[in-house]
Amino acid sequence: MWAEQMHLLAGATHAPTLYSFGDHLGAWAVGALELVKGRRLIIVGCSVGGSCALEIASIAPDRVAALVLIGTKANHTPDPAFHASALDILRKKGLGPAWHKLWEPLFSDNAPSGVVSKAERMTLLQTPEDVARGVTVFHTRPSRADVLSTFPRSVVVITGSDDVAPGPKVSAKQAKLAPYGRLHVIADCGHYAPLERPDAVNLILREVINEHQS
């Protein structure tokens, strides 16, 4: 999903597939960190990837120069029934029905033509086991509002104007909670801004990169 961002910092951009790192968020964070050697990292994450970014900031704050959180909710209240329902759809009905039930509704009705079908194809290339692991990581992630409220460097919060999870209101509160937080709202965009509005996301990321280049 990061194909449109990989060129922004050529030779120093990594977009790991997180599923293989384990079945809890801490393992994802450790696995992602082990792939890079830098000590001034700009960590960018969308949705549960943003939760992974916060987890990285929790375990290795000295290596993080900035956080960019897209469609991310730092607080988490477990919902075992929703978790079980999502897994049940995956196991009994498969990836296709799960896509239409769980993820397709998170895209804006104003998403550019072809974006949603492209995202569906990307999803269907995954294995049901990996996607189920991702669902479990999402539903068992810890709350990290404490990290957000104490992180001593830049936190850039991005939300689509049409996002419903968490959406502009929650995103604005999170940007305000971070000591050095700021909010960007992308018009006509849902939950998956890097796919729906890559040009707008790239403008923001270029700004963040420029702020942290020596």
Protein backbone atom coordinates (compact mmCIF):
# COMPACT_ATOMS: atom_id res chain seq x y z
CA MET A 1 0.00 0.00 0.00
CA TRP A 2 3.03 2.31 0.21
CA ALA A 3 4.04 2.07 -3.44
CA GLU A 4 3.38 5.80 -4.02
CA GLN A 5 5.60 6.81 -1.08
CA MET A 6 8.68 4.63 -1.57
CA HIS A 7 10.48 7.21 -3.73
CA LEU A 8 10.28 10.04 -1.19
CA LEU A 9 13.53 9.09 0.54
CA ALA A 10 15.19 6.86 -2.00
CA GLY A 11 17.42 4.13 -0.58
CA ALA A 12 16.32 4.80 2.99
CA THR A 13 12.63 3.88 2.92
CA HIS A 14 11.35 0.57 4.24
CA ALA A 15 7.80 -0.80 4.07
CA PRO A 16 7.90 -4.21 5.73
CA THR A 17 5.03 -6.66 5.63
CA LEU A 18 4.25 -7.04 9.32
CA TYR A 19 2.22 -10.25 9.46
CA SER A 20 5.21 -12.59 9.69
CA PHE A 21 6.66 -10.84 12.73
CA GLY A 22 4.19 -12.42 15.15
CA ASP A 23 0.75 -12.29 16.65
CA HIS A 24 1.05 -9.27 18.91
CA LEU A 25 1.94 -5.63 18.34
CA GLY A 26 5.16 -5.69 20.33
CA ALA A 27 6.56 -8.38 18.04
CA TRP A 28 5.62 -6.30 15.00
CA ALA A 29 7.44 -3.29 16.42
CA VAL A 30 10.58 -5.28 17.23
CA GLY A 31 10.54 -6.95 13.81
CA ALA A 32 10.22 -3.64 11.99
CA LEU A 33 13.03 -2.07 14.00
CA GLU A 34 15.39 -4.95 13.31
CA LEU A 35 15.20 -4.21 9.57
CA VAL A 36 16.69 -0.72 9.87
CA LYS A 37 19.90 0.66 11.32
CA GLY A 38 19.14 4.37 11.43
CA ARG A 39 18.81 6.29 14.66
CA ARG A 40 16.75 9.22 13.33
CA LEU A 41 13.75 7.37 11.97
CA ILE A 42 10.56 8.91 10.67
CA ILE A 43 7.99 6.23 11.48
CA VAL A 44 4.87 6.33 9.30
CA GLY A 45 1.89 4.06 9.85
CA CYS A 46 -1.70 3.79 8.69
CA SER A 47 -4.44 2.21 10.79
CA VAL A 48 -2.90 -0.69 12.77
CA GLY A 49 0.42 0.32 11.20
CA GLY A 50 0.06 3.59 13.09
CA SER A 51 -0.43 1.58 16.26
CA CYS A 52 2.82 -0.20 15.40
CA ALA A 53 4.49 3.20 14.98
CA LEU A 54 3.38 4.17 18.49
CA GLU A 55 4.67 0.85 19.80
CA ILE A 56 8.06 1.53 18.22
CA ALA A 57 8.10 4.93 19.92
CA SER A 58 7.32 3.14 23.18
CA ILE A 59 10.18 0.65 23.00
CA ALA A 60 12.83 2.73 21.20
CA PRO A 61 11.99 6.44 21.65
CA ASP A 62 15.60 7.55 21.14
CA ARG A 63 15.55 6.17 17.58
CA VAL A 64 12.41 8.02 16.51
CA ALA A 65 12.76 11.53 15.09
CA ALA A 66 9.09 11.89 14.17
CA LEU A 67 5.84 9.96 14.06
CA VAL A 68 3.30 10.19 11.25
CA LEU A 69 0.02 8.57 12.27
CA ILE A 70 -2.62 8.05 9.57
CA GLY A 71 -6.09 6.88 10.57
CA THR A 72 -4.72 5.79 13.92
CA LYS A 73 -6.35 5.64 17.34
CA ALA A 74 -3.95 5.62 20.27
CA ASN A 75 -6.56 4.60 22.85
CA HIS A 76 -7.96 1.12 22.58
CA THR A 77 -10.88 -0.50 24.36
CA PRO A 78 -11.02 -4.23 23.56
CA ASP A 79 -14.18 -5.49 21.87
CA PRO A 80 -14.01 -9.31 22.10
CA ALA A 81 -17.32 -9.77 20.28
CA PHE A 82 -16.19 -7.70 17.29
CA HIS A 83 -12.84 -9.51 17.27
CA ALA A 84 -14.52 -12.91 17.29
CA SER A 85 -17.00 -11.85 14.61
CA ALA A 86 -14.21 -10.67 12.28
CA LEU A 87 -12.32 -13.93 12.69
CA ASP A 88 -15.51 -15.90 12.17
CA ILE A 89 -16.17 -14.16 8.85
CA LEU A 90 -12.62 -14.86 7.70
CA ARG A 91 -12.66 -18.52 8.68
CA LYS A 92 -16.17 -19.42 7.55
CA LYS A 93 -16.70 -17.16 4.53
CA GLY A 94 -13.20 -16.25 3.36
CA LEU A 95 -11.27 -13.13 2.42
CA GLY A 96 -13.71 -11.82 -0.17
CA PRO A 97 -16.75 -11.52 2.11
CA ALA A 98 -14.50 -10.27 4.93
CA TRP A 99 -13.15 -7.53 2.65
CA HIS A 100 -16.65 -6.31 1.76
CA LYS A 101 -17.79 -6.40 5.39
CA LEU A 102 -14.77 -5.06 7.28
CA TRP A 103 -12.53 -2.94 5.06
CA GLU A 104 -14.33 -1.73 1.96
CA PRO A 105 -16.67 0.50 4.04
CA LEU A 106 -13.65 2.40 5.39
CA PHE A 107 -12.96 3.97 1.99
CA SER A 108 -14.52 7.31 1.11
CA ASP A 109 -17.38 7.36 -1.37
CA ASN A 110 -15.24 9.99 -3.09
CA ALA A 111 -12.19 7.73 -3.50
CA PRO A 112 -10.74 7.95 -7.04
CA SER A 113 -11.97 5.40 -9.52
CA GLY A 114 -10.12 2.12 -9.28
CA VAL A 115 -8.59 2.69 -5.84
CA VAL A 116 -11.03 0.48 -3.96
CA SER A 117 -10.81 -2.36 -6.48
CA LYS A 118 -7.00 -2.12 -6.36
CA ALA A 119 -7.09 -2.35 -2.57
CA GLU A 120 -9.40 -5.36 -2.81
CA ARG A 121 -6.95 -7.12 -5.14
CA MET A 122 -4.11 -6.38 -2.72
CA THR A 123 -6.12 -7.86 0.13
CA LEU A 124 -7.02 -11.00 -1.77
CA LEU A 125 -3.32 -11.64 -2.46
CA GLN A 126 -2.78 -12.19 1.27
CA THR A 127 -3.37 -15.49 3.00
CA PRO A 128 -6.40 -15.80 5.29
CA GLU A 129 -4.04 -16.81 8.08
CA ASP A 130 -2.00 -13.63 7.76
CA VAL A 131 -5.06 -11.42 7.64
CA ALA A 132 -6.51 -13.20 10.68
CA ARG A 133 -3.23 -12.55 12.48
CA GLY A 134 -3.50 -8.88 11.57
CA VAL A 135 -7.06 -8.76 12.87
CA THR A 136 -5.93 -10.25 16.16
CA VAL A 137 -3.03 -7.82 16.49
CA PHE A 138 -5.41 -4.94 15.85
CA HIS A 139 -7.93 -6.10 18.42
CA THR A 140 -5.38 -6.94 21.12
CA ARG A 141 -3.17 -3.87 20.75
CA PRO A 142 -2.42 -1.90 23.93
CA SER A 143 -3.56 1.65 24.48
CA ARG A 144 -0.70 4.05 23.85
CA ALA A 145 -2.18 7.44 24.71
CA ASP A 146 0.60 7.66 27.30
CA VAL A 147 3.19 7.47 24.53
CA LEU A 148 1.35 10.06 22.46
CA SER A 149 1.06 12.48 25.38
CA THR A 150 4.73 12.28 26.36
CA PHE A 151 6.54 11.83 23.04
CA PRO A 152 9.05 14.71 22.95
CA ARG A 153 9.27 15.13 19.19
CA SER A 154 7.08 15.81 16.20
CA VAL A 155 3.81 13.88 15.85
CA VAL A 156 1.95 14.44 12.59
CA VAL A 157 -1.63 13.18 12.63
CA ILE A 158 -3.31 12.66 9.26
CA THR A 159 -6.98 11.85 8.74
CA GLY A 160 -9.33 11.74 5.82
CA SER A 161 -12.31 14.07 6.09
CA ASP A 162 -14.58 11.08 5.45
CA ASP A 163 -12.80 8.65 7.76
CA VAL A 164 -15.00 6.96 10.34
CA ALA A 165 -12.30 5.06 12.23
CA PRO A 166 -11.16 7.08 14.10
CA GLY A 167 -12.09 10.15 12.02
CA PRO A 168 -11.31 13.88 12.20
CA LYS A 169 -12.66 14.58 15.71
CA VAL A 170 -10.61 11.86 17.40
CA SER A 171 -7.59 12.68 15.26
CA ALA A 172 -7.80 16.34 16.28
CA LYS A 173 -7.86 15.35 19.96
CA GLN A 174 -4.81 13.14 19.43
CA ALA A 175 -2.87 15.90 17.70
CA LYS A 176 -3.70 18.19 20.62
CA LEU A 177 -2.68 15.53 23.14
CA ALA A 178 0.83 15.23 21.66
CA PRO A 179 3.15 17.98 22.94
CA TYR A 180 4.43 18.61 19.40
CA GLY A 181 1.41 17.37 17.50
CA ARG A 182 -0.22 18.82 14.42
CA LEU A 183 -3.20 17.75 12.38
CA HIS A 184 -3.76 17.41 8.63
CA VAL A 185 -7.25 16.68 7.30
CA ILE A 186 -7.33 15.47 3.69
CA ALA A 187 -10.55 16.27 1.87
CA ASP A 188 -12.65 13.61 0.14
CA CYS A 189 -10.63 10.84 1.76
CA GLY A 190 -11.45 7.89 3.98
CA HIS A 191 -9.33 5.68 6.20
CA TYR A 192 -6.60 4.69 3.77
CA ALA A 193 -5.10 8.04 2.76
CA PRO A 194 -1.87 6.62 1.22
CA LEU A 195 -4.03 4.74 -1.28
CA GLU A 196 -6.89 7.20 -1.71
CA ARG A 197 -4.99 10.50 -1.81
CA PRO A 198 -1.28 9.70 -2.26
CA ASP A 199 -0.36 13.14 -3.61
CA ALA A 200 -1.75 14.86 -0.51
CA VAL A 201 0.01 12.40 1.80
CA ASN A 202 3.26 12.84 -0.09
CA LEU A 203 3.18 16.62 0.33
CA ILE A 204 2.91 16.17 4.07
CA LEU A 205 5.63 13.53 4.19
CA ARG A 206 8.00 15.70 2.14
CA GLU A 207 7.49 18.47 4.66
CA VAL A 208 8.30 16.13 7.55
CA ILE A 209 11.38 14.77 5.76
CA ASN A 210 12.66 18.27 5.02
CA GLU A 211 12.27 19.23 8.67
CA HIS A 212 14.50 16.34 9.75
CA GLN A 213 17.19 16.31 7.07
CA SER A 214 20.51 17.64 8.31
